[in-house]
Amino acid sequence: MSFFNSLFRSENTIENKIDKIQKGDEILREILIQEYVPFIVKTVSQKLGRYVSIENNEEFSVGLSAFNEAINSFDIKKGNKFLAYSKKVINSRLIDYYRNSKKTRDIKVYPFTYFDEEKFNALEKRYMMDNAGELEKIETADEISSFKLCLSEYGINFDDLVLFSPKHKDSIRQCVKIARMITDNDRLYDMMTKKKAIPLNELMKIADVHRRTIERNRKFIITTCLIIRSDLDVLKAYVMSVEEGGTLNA
């Protein structure tokens, strides 16, 4: 199995699922909503500044309804990310809920920033412990959707990565090492991002590796560089596992 196979092989992104739902797949709608319940809970909890349970909770019901509304109103043609859009819809509907509810007189609503960092971290830790597996799946899918756009600027396609990435552990580690050389050198990295290509001549001055190795694994090395310099934590964890002696294969 190739280095990126488990991450990038599927084209079944959440935006593609939304497209199918909008075309009439109601079974997929129910599946998607259930799959993203942890995301809805987290979004509502962050907005209110307190952990929100699923059972008999009006705010969660508002968030659930808003998520379903976002599925219906999301415009795929604009090229936006659905999760970012749905978060805005959920937050907006929660504001509407408190404005229109008779409970407003009895409830003091604090902005999320009101709570100190320690209290937030406790909330986040509790939630992440309870929903770590599901949230990682959601965040990974969201990261990959965003990363696709970045790679396209370099003429890199996910299918190419799956097919042409190095297959052997030693080759993978060597390419990750080369990528780290580039990212640790601001001048080399800036040259790469400006030219959308590896600065081969400059890199050969510091890399003790055959030129053909770099050329053959160009797309893989560029992709790894972009991951290392990104804030995509789930993807970066895969790269770090290789540097620490592990593998990226699922």
C-alpha atoms as a PDB file:
ATOM      1  CA  MET A   1       0.000   0.000   0.000  1.00  0.00           C
ATOM      2  CA  SER A   2       1.357   3.417  -0.893  1.00  0.00           C
ATOM      3  CA  PHE A   3       2.274   6.125   1.622  1.00  0.00           C
ATOM      4  CA  PHE A   4      -0.812   8.271   1.018  1.00  0.00           C
ATOM      5  CA  ASN A   5      -3.230   5.544  -0.032  1.00  0.00           C
ATOM      6  CA  SER A   6      -5.266   5.382   3.162  1.00  0.00           C
ATOM      7  CA  LEU A   7      -5.604   9.182   3.278  1.00  0.00           C
ATOM      8  CA  PHE A   8      -6.086  10.257  -0.302  1.00  0.00           C
ATOM      9  CA  ARG A   9      -7.520   7.356  -2.268  1.00  0.00           C
ATOM     10  CA  SER A  10     -11.171   8.140  -1.680  1.00  0.00           C
ATOM     11  CA  GLU A  11     -12.816  10.972  -3.562  1.00  0.00           C
ATOM     12  CA  ASN A  12     -15.939  10.581  -1.433  1.00  0.00           C
ATOM     13  CA  THR A  13     -15.599  13.946   0.328  1.00  0.00           C
ATOM     14  CA  ILE A  14     -18.341  15.471   2.427  1.00  0.00           C
ATOM     15  CA  GLU A  15     -19.041  17.957  -0.385  1.00  0.00           C
ATOM     16  CA  ASN A  16     -19.653  15.037  -2.765  1.00  0.00           C
ATOM     17  CA  LYS A  17     -22.012  13.504  -0.219  1.00  0.00           C
ATOM     18  CA  ILE A  18     -23.899  16.795   0.082  1.00  0.00           C
ATOM     19  CA  ASP A  19     -24.293  16.839  -3.691  1.00  0.00           C
ATOM     20  CA  LYS A  20     -25.855  13.354  -3.627  1.00  0.00           C
ATOM     21  CA  ILE A  21     -28.181  14.333  -0.783  1.00  0.00           C
ATOM     22  CA  GLN A  22     -29.339  17.470  -2.586  1.00  0.00           C
ATOM     23  CA  LYS A  23     -30.138  15.255  -5.563  1.00  0.00           C
ATOM     24  CA  GLY A  24     -32.471  13.150  -3.426  1.00  0.00           C
ATOM     25  CA  ASP A  25     -30.479  10.593  -1.410  1.00  0.00           C
ATOM     26  CA  GLU A  26     -32.345  10.839   1.900  1.00  0.00           C
ATOM     27  CA  ILE A  27     -30.768   7.703   3.329  1.00  0.00           C
ATOM     28  CA  LEU A  28     -27.346   9.284   2.930  1.00  0.00           C
ATOM     29  CA  ARG A  29     -28.685  12.402   4.679  1.00  0.00           C
ATOM     30  CA  GLU A  30     -29.561  10.390   7.780  1.00  0.00           C
ATOM     31  CA  ILE A  31     -26.202   8.625   7.727  1.00  0.00           C
ATOM     32  CA  LEU A  32     -24.302  11.896   7.348  1.00  0.00           C
ATOM     33  CA  ILE A  33     -26.162  13.616  10.168  1.00  0.00           C
ATOM     34  CA  GLN A  34     -25.480  10.716  12.531  1.00  0.00           C
ATOM     35  CA  GLU A  35     -21.823  10.671  11.504  1.00  0.00           C
ATOM     36  CA  TYR A  36     -21.419  14.391  12.258  1.00  0.00           C
ATOM     37  CA  VAL A  37     -23.228  14.495  15.597  1.00  0.00           C
ATOM     38  CA  PRO A  38     -19.861  14.963  17.399  1.00  0.00           C
ATOM     39  CA  PHE A  39     -19.131  17.959  15.159  1.00  0.00           C
ATOM     40  CA  ILE A  40     -22.549  19.460  15.926  1.00  0.00           C
ATOM     41  CA  VAL A  41     -22.098  18.964  19.666  1.00  0.00           C
ATOM     42  CA  LYS A  42     -18.659  20.535  19.570  1.00  0.00           C
ATOM     43  CA  THR A  43     -19.851  23.527  17.543  1.00  0.00           C
ATOM     44  CA  VAL A  44     -22.817  24.184  19.856  1.00  0.00           C
ATOM     45  CA  SER A  45     -20.656  23.701  22.965  1.00  0.00           C
ATOM     46  CA  GLN A  46     -18.073  26.177  21.699  1.00  0.00           C
ATOM     47  CA  LYS A  47     -20.729  28.751  20.913  1.00  0.00           C
ATOM     48  CA  LEU A  48     -22.342  28.465  24.357  1.00  0.00           C
ATOM     49  CA  GLY A  49     -19.116  28.062  26.327  1.00  0.00           C
ATOM     50  CA  ARG A  50     -20.302  24.916  28.039  1.00  0.00           C
ATOM     51  CA  TYR A  51     -20.565  21.248  27.221  1.00  0.00           C
ATOM     52  CA  VAL A  52     -23.876  20.380  25.559  1.00  0.00           C
ATOM     53  CA  SER A  53     -25.249  16.868  25.877  1.00  0.00           C
ATOM     54  CA  ILE A  54     -27.434  15.241  23.248  1.00  0.00           C
ATOM     55  CA  GLU A  55     -30.263  14.073  25.495  1.00  0.00           C
ATOM     56  CA  ASN A  56     -33.206  16.461  25.959  1.00  0.00           C
ATOM     57  CA  ASN A  57     -31.207  19.537  25.074  1.00  0.00           C
ATOM     58  CA  GLU A  58     -32.876  22.324  23.137  1.00  0.00           C
ATOM     59  CA  GLU A  59     -29.638  23.938  22.002  1.00  0.00           C
ATOM     60  CA  PHE A  60     -28.443  20.654  20.537  1.00  0.00           C
ATOM     61  CA  SER A  61     -31.767  20.319  18.717  1.00  0.00           C
ATOM     62  CA  VAL A  62     -31.256  23.800  17.272  1.00  0.00           C
ATOM     63  CA  GLY A  63     -27.770  22.806  16.134  1.00  0.00           C
ATOM     64  CA  LEU A  64     -29.030  19.572  14.601  1.00  0.00           C
ATOM     65  CA  SER A  65     -31.752  21.381  12.697  1.00  0.00           C
ATOM     66  CA  ALA A  66     -29.265  24.015  11.538  1.00  0.00           C
ATOM     67  CA  PHE A  67     -26.879  21.335  10.268  1.00  0.00           C
ATOM     68  CA  ASN A  68     -29.704  19.826   8.240  1.00  0.00           C
ATOM     69  CA  GLU A  69     -30.574  23.303   6.946  1.00  0.00           C
ATOM     70  CA  ALA A  70     -26.949  23.772   5.906  1.00  0.00           C
ATOM     71  CA  ILE A  71     -27.112  20.541   3.908  1.00  0.00           C
ATOM     72  CA  ASN A  72     -30.054  21.942   1.947  1.00  0.00           C
ATOM     73  CA  SER A  73     -28.696  25.442   1.385  1.00  0.00           C
ATOM     74  CA  PHE A  74     -24.996  24.710   0.744  1.00  0.00           C
ATOM     75  CA  ASP A  75     -23.901  25.851  -2.723  1.00  0.00           C
ATOM     76  CA  ILE A  76     -21.368  23.330  -4.001  1.00  0.00           C
ATOM     77  CA  LYS A  77     -20.545  25.415  -7.078  1.00  0.00           C
ATOM     78  CA  LYS A  78     -18.943  28.149  -4.956  1.00  0.00           C
ATOM     79  CA  GLY A  79     -16.157  25.790  -3.957  1.00  0.00           C
ATOM     80  CA  ASN A  80     -16.500  26.478  -0.235  1.00  0.00           C
ATOM     81  CA  LYS A  81     -15.953  23.970   2.561  1.00  0.00           C
ATOM     82  CA  PHE A  82     -19.177  22.549   3.960  1.00  0.00           C
ATOM     83  CA  LEU A  83     -18.057  22.225   7.585  1.00  0.00           C
ATOM     84  CA  ALA A  84     -17.043  25.877   7.772  1.00  0.00           C
ATOM     85  CA  TYR A  85     -20.355  26.851   6.204  1.00  0.00           C
ATOM     86  CA  SER A  86     -22.437  24.618   8.486  1.00  0.00           C
ATOM     87  CA  LYS A  87     -20.668  26.034  11.543  1.00  0.00           C
ATOM     88  CA  LYS A  88     -21.761  29.541  10.528  1.00  0.00           C
ATOM     89  CA  VAL A  89     -25.354  28.362  10.050  1.00  0.00           C
ATOM     90  CA  ILE A  90     -25.389  26.624  13.449  1.00  0.00           C
ATOM     91  CA  ASN A  91     -24.002  29.693  15.220  1.00  0.00           C
ATOM     92  CA  SER A  92     -26.501  31.942  13.463  1.00  0.00           C
ATOM     93  CA  ARG A  93     -29.463  29.748  14.406  1.00  0.00           C
ATOM     94  CA  LEU A  94     -28.344  29.612  18.043  1.00  0.00           C
ATOM     95  CA  ILE A  95     -28.301  33.412  18.111  1.00  0.00           C
ATOM     96  CA  ASP A  96     -31.793  33.472  16.606  1.00  0.00           C
ATOM     97  CA  TYR A  97     -32.941  30.920  19.158  1.00  0.00           C
ATOM     98  CA  TYR A  98     -31.876  33.052  22.117  1.00  0.00           C
ATOM     99  CA  ARG A  99     -33.272  36.216  20.582  1.00  0.00           C
ATOM    100  CA  ASN A 100     -36.684  34.677  20.022  1.00  0.00           C
ATOM    101  CA  SER A 101     -36.964  32.406  23.027  1.00  0.00           C
ATOM    102  CA  LYS A 102     -39.036  33.390  26.031  1.00  0.00           C
ATOM    103  CA  LYS A 103     -36.214  31.977  28.131  1.00  0.00           C
ATOM    104  CA  THR A 104     -34.032  34.952  27.253  1.00  0.00           C
ATOM    105  CA  ARG A 105     -35.201  36.810  30.339  1.00  0.00           C
ATOM    106  CA  ASP A 106     -34.023  33.968  32.575  1.00  0.00           C
ATOM    107  CA  ILE A 107     -30.817  32.982  30.805  1.00  0.00           C
ATOM    108  CA  LYS A 108     -27.623  34.971  30.788  1.00  0.00           C
ATOM    109  CA  VAL A 109     -25.729  34.025  27.621  1.00  0.00           C
ATOM    110  CA  TYR A 110     -21.985  34.481  27.765  1.00  0.00           C
ATOM    111  CA  PRO A 111     -19.765  34.737  24.709  1.00  0.00           C
ATOM    112  CA  PHE A 112     -17.353  31.836  24.369  1.00  0.00           C
ATOM    113  CA  THR A 113     -14.379  34.112  24.984  1.00  0.00           C
ATOM    114  CA  TYR A 114     -15.765  34.945  28.446  1.00  0.00           C
ATOM    115  CA  PHE A 115     -14.527  31.649  29.854  1.00  0.00           C
ATOM    116  CA  ASP A 116     -10.908  31.371  30.878  1.00  0.00           C
ATOM    117  CA  GLU A 117      -8.490  29.121  29.040  1.00  0.00           C
ATOM    118  CA  GLU A 118      -8.376  26.549  31.828  1.00  0.00           C
ATOM    119  CA  LYS A 119     -12.131  26.112  31.760  1.00  0.00           C
ATOM    120  CA  PHE A 120     -12.137  25.806  27.984  1.00  0.00           C
ATOM    121  CA  ASN A 121      -9.324  23.232  28.038  1.00  0.00           C
ATOM    122  CA  ALA A 122     -11.260  21.147  30.557  1.00  0.00           C
ATOM    123  CA  LEU A 123     -14.324  21.248  28.313  1.00  0.00           C
ATOM    124  CA  GLU A 124     -12.275  20.388  25.233  1.00  0.00           C
ATOM    125  CA  LYS A 125     -10.407  17.569  26.991  1.00  0.00           C
ATOM    126  CA  ARG A 126     -13.616  15.974  28.204  1.00  0.00           C
ATOM    127  CA  TYR A 127     -15.256  16.205  24.831  1.00  0.00           C
ATOM    128  CA  MET A 128     -12.241  14.950  22.907  1.00  0.00           C
ATOM    129  CA  MET A 129     -11.859  11.953  25.231  1.00  0.00           C
ATOM    130  CA  ASP A 130     -15.476  10.979  24.661  1.00  0.00           C
ATOM    131  CA  ASN A 131     -15.441  11.512  20.882  1.00  0.00           C
ATOM    132  CA  ALA A 132     -11.795  11.237  19.826  1.00  0.00           C
ATOM    133  CA  GLY A 133     -12.318   8.621  17.134  1.00  0.00           C
ATOM    134  CA  GLU A 134     -15.265  10.286  15.444  1.00  0.00           C
ATOM    135  CA  LEU A 135     -13.750  13.773  15.575  1.00  0.00           C
ATOM    136  CA  GLU A 136     -10.495  12.564  14.045  1.00  0.00           C
ATOM    137  CA  LYS A 137     -12.409  11.095  11.105  1.00  0.00           C
ATOM    138  CA  ILE A 138     -14.271  14.377  10.587  1.00  0.00           C
ATOM    139  CA  GLU A 139     -11.201  16.580  10.935  1.00  0.00           C
ATOM    140  CA  THR A 140      -9.133  14.337   8.668  1.00  0.00           C
ATOM    141  CA  ALA A 141     -11.757  14.530   5.915  1.00  0.00           C
ATOM    142  CA  ASP A 142     -11.942  18.299   6.314  1.00  0.00           C
ATOM    143  CA  GLU A 143      -8.158  18.678   6.175  1.00  0.00           C
ATOM    144  CA  ILE A 144      -7.906  16.568   3.040  1.00  0.00           C
ATOM    145  CA  SER A 145     -10.612  18.580   1.298  1.00  0.00           C
ATOM    146  CA  SER A 146      -8.693  21.783   2.024  1.00  0.00           C
ATOM    147  CA  PHE A 147      -5.328  20.277   1.109  1.00  0.00           C
ATOM    148  CA  LYS A 148      -6.555  19.274  -2.344  1.00  0.00           C
ATOM    149  CA  LEU A 149      -6.841  22.903  -3.349  1.00  0.00           C
ATOM    150  CA  CYS A 150      -3.292  23.631  -2.215  1.00  0.00           C
ATOM    151  CA  LEU A 151      -1.818  20.678  -4.108  1.00  0.00           C
ATOM    152  CA  SER A 152      -3.605  21.620  -7.314  1.00  0.00           C
ATOM    153  CA  GLU A 153      -1.474  24.778  -7.468  1.00  0.00           C
ATOM    154  CA  TYR A 154       1.562  22.522  -7.882  1.00  0.00           C
ATOM    155  CA  GLY A 155      -0.088  20.367 -10.531  1.00  0.00           C
ATOM    156  CA  ILE A 156      -0.373  17.491  -8.081  1.00  0.00           C
ATOM    157  CA  ASN A 157      -3.337  15.123  -8.135  1.00  0.00           C
ATOM    158  CA  PHE A 158      -4.223  12.737  -5.311  1.00  0.00           C
ATOM    159  CA  ASP A 159      -4.381   9.799  -7.694  1.00  0.00           C
ATOM    160  CA  ASP A 160      -0.790  10.531  -8.753  1.00  0.00           C
ATOM    161  CA  LEU A 161       0.292  10.433  -5.118  1.00  0.00           C
ATOM    162  CA  VAL A 162      -1.378   7.103  -4.574  1.00  0.00           C
ATOM    163  CA  LEU A 163       0.129   5.572  -7.702  1.00  0.00           C
ATOM    164  CA  PHE A 164       3.627   7.043  -7.705  1.00  0.00           C
ATOM    165  CA  SER A 165       4.597   7.541  -4.066  1.00  0.00           C
ATOM    166  CA  PRO A 166       7.538   5.411  -2.868  1.00  0.00           C
ATOM    167  CA  LYS A 167       6.450   1.995  -1.652  1.00  0.00           C
ATOM    168  CA  HIS A 168       9.385   0.884   0.519  1.00  0.00           C
ATOM    169  CA  LYS A 169      10.004   2.145   4.055  1.00  0.00           C
ATOM    170  CA  ASP A 170      13.576   3.226   3.374  1.00  0.00           C
ATOM    171  CA  SER A 171      12.540   5.196   0.289  1.00  0.00           C
ATOM    172  CA  ILE A 172       9.723   6.852   2.193  1.00  0.00           C
ATOM    173  CA  ARG A 173      12.012   7.875   5.039  1.00  0.00           C
ATOM    174  CA  GLN A 174      14.595   9.202   2.594  1.00  0.00           C
ATOM    175  CA  CYS A 175      11.996  11.376   0.848  1.00  0.00           C
ATOM    176  CA  VAL A 176      10.641  12.660   4.163  1.00  0.00           C
ATOM    177  CA  LYS A 177      14.217  13.513   5.161  1.00  0.00           C
ATOM    178  CA  ILE A 178      14.641  15.477   1.914  1.00  0.00           C
ATOM    179  CA  ALA A 179      11.356  17.295   2.555  1.00  0.00           C
ATOM    180  CA  ARG A 180      12.546  18.195   6.030  1.00  0.00           C
ATOM    181  CA  MET A 181      15.751  19.667   4.563  1.00  0.00           C
ATOM    182  CA  ILE A 182      13.636  21.956   2.412  1.00  0.00           C
ATOM    183  CA  THR A 183      11.218  23.011   5.141  1.00  0.00           C
ATOM    184  CA  ASP A 184      14.021  23.657   7.626  1.00  0.00           C
ATOM    185  CA  ASN A 185      15.616  26.037   5.134  1.00  0.00           C
ATOM    186  CA  ASP A 186      13.460  29.141   4.694  1.00  0.00           C
ATOM    187  CA  ARG A 187      15.199  30.142   1.478  1.00  0.00           C
ATOM    188  CA  LEU A 188      14.668  26.749  -0.167  1.00  0.00           C
ATOM    189  CA  TYR A 189      11.064  26.571   0.982  1.00  0.00           C
ATOM    190  CA  ASP A 190      10.313  30.081  -0.292  1.00  0.00           C
ATOM    191  CA  MET A 191      11.851  29.177  -3.647  1.00  0.00           C
ATOM    192  CA  MET A 192       9.655  26.092  -3.826  1.00  0.00           C
ATOM    193  CA  THR A 193       6.440  27.957  -3.027  1.00  0.00           C
ATOM    194  CA  LYS A 194       7.214  30.751  -5.495  1.00  0.00           C
ATOM    195  CA  LYS A 195       8.247  28.530  -8.406  1.00  0.00           C
ATOM    196  CA  LYS A 196       5.823  25.712  -7.491  1.00  0.00           C
ATOM    197  CA  ALA A 197       8.718  23.311  -7.936  1.00  0.00           C
ATOM    198  CA  ILE A 198      11.617  21.857  -5.970  1.00  0.00           C
ATOM    199  CA  PRO A 199      14.714  24.121  -6.199  1.00  0.00           C
ATOM    200  CA  LEU A 200      16.755  21.176  -7.410  1.00  0.00           C
ATOM    201  CA  ASN A 201      20.100  22.862  -8.043  1.00  0.00           C
ATOM    202  CA  GLU A 202      20.124  24.551  -4.651  1.00  0.00           C
ATOM    203  CA  LEU A 203      18.922  21.423  -2.874  1.00  0.00           C
ATOM    204  CA  MET A 204      21.669  19.283  -4.401  1.00  0.00           C
ATOM    205  CA  LYS A 205      24.249  21.481  -2.666  1.00  0.00           C
ATOM    206  CA  ILE A 206      23.125  20.244   0.748  1.00  0.00           C
ATOM    207  CA  ALA A 207      21.419  16.900   0.046  1.00  0.00           C
ATOM    208  CA  ASP A 208      23.584  13.783  -0.122  1.00  0.00           C
ATOM    209  CA  VAL A 209      21.225  11.965  -2.482  1.00  0.00           C
ATOM    210  CA  HIS A 210      21.090  11.146  -6.165  1.00  0.00           C
ATOM    211  CA  ARG A 211      19.429  13.815  -8.321  1.00  0.00           C
ATOM    212  CA  ARG A 212      17.252  11.197  -9.985  1.00  0.00           C
ATOM    213  CA  THR A 213      15.795  10.169  -6.618  1.00  0.00           C
ATOM    214  CA  ILE A 214      14.486  13.693  -6.079  1.00  0.00           C
ATOM    215  CA  GLU A 215      13.157  14.000  -9.623  1.00  0.00           C
ATOM    216  CA  ARG A 216      11.400  10.631  -9.453  1.00  0.00           C
ATOM    217  CA  ASN A 217       9.686  11.487  -6.149  1.00  0.00           C
ATOM    218  CA  ARG A 218       9.086  15.174  -6.849  1.00  0.00           C
ATOM    219  CA  LYS A 219       5.336  15.176  -6.142  1.00  0.00           C
ATOM    220  CA  PHE A 220       5.712  13.159  -2.962  1.00  0.00           C
ATOM    221  CA  ILE A 221       8.454  15.427  -1.606  1.00  0.00           C
ATOM    222  CA  ILE A 222       6.525  18.625  -2.396  1.00  0.00           C
ATOM    223  CA  THR A 223       3.399  17.212  -0.754  1.00  0.00           C
ATOM    224  CA  THR A 224       5.339  16.272   2.369  1.00  0.00           C
ATOM    225  CA  CYS A 225       6.904  19.749   2.504  1.00  0.00           C
ATOM    226  CA  LEU A 226       3.480  21.384   2.391  1.00  0.00           C
ATOM    227  CA  ILE A 227       2.176  19.119   5.139  1.00  0.00           C
ATOM    228  CA  ILE A 228       5.146  19.859   7.409  1.00  0.00           C
ATOM    229  CA  ARG A 229       4.712  23.630   7.027  1.00  0.00           C
ATOM    230  CA  SER A 230       0.922  23.496   7.402  1.00  0.00           C
ATOM    231  CA  ASP A 231      -1.313  23.520  10.476  1.00  0.00           C
ATOM    232  CA  LEU A 232      -3.004  20.302   9.387  1.00  0.00           C
ATOM    233  CA  ASP A 233      -2.344  18.376  12.572  1.00  0.00           C
ATOM    234  CA  VAL A 234      -3.774  15.019  11.545  1.00  0.00           C
ATOM    235  CA  LEU A 235      -1.715  14.897   8.345  1.00  0.00           C
ATOM    236  CA  LYS A 236       1.424  16.115  10.114  1.00  0.00           C
ATOM    237  CA  ALA A 237       1.082  13.262  12.603  1.00  0.00           C
ATOM    238  CA  TYR A 238       1.538  10.789   9.744  1.00  0.00           C
ATOM    239  CA  VAL A 239       4.754  12.456   8.633  1.00  0.00           C
ATOM    240  CA  MET A 240       6.074  12.567  12.191  1.00  0.00           C
ATOM    241  CA  SER A 241       5.366   8.864  12.615  1.00  0.00           C
ATOM    242  CA  VAL A 242       7.741   8.140   9.726  1.00  0.00           C
ATOM    243  CA  GLU A 243      10.458  10.380  11.163  1.00  0.00           C
ATOM    244  CA  GLU A 244      10.132   8.551  14.466  1.00  0.00           C
ATOM    245  CA  GLY A 245      10.527   5.174  12.790  1.00  0.00           C
ATOM    246  CA  GLY A 246       6.914   4.235  12.118  1.00  0.00           C
ATOM    247  CA  THR A 247       4.977   3.957   8.864  1.00  0.00           C
ATOM    248  CA  LEU A 248       2.128   5.833   7.247  1.00  0.00           C
ATOM    249  CA  ASN A 249       0.289   2.779   6.060  1.00  0.00           C
ATOM    250  CA  ALA A 250      -3.101   2.109   7.554  1.00  0.00           C
END
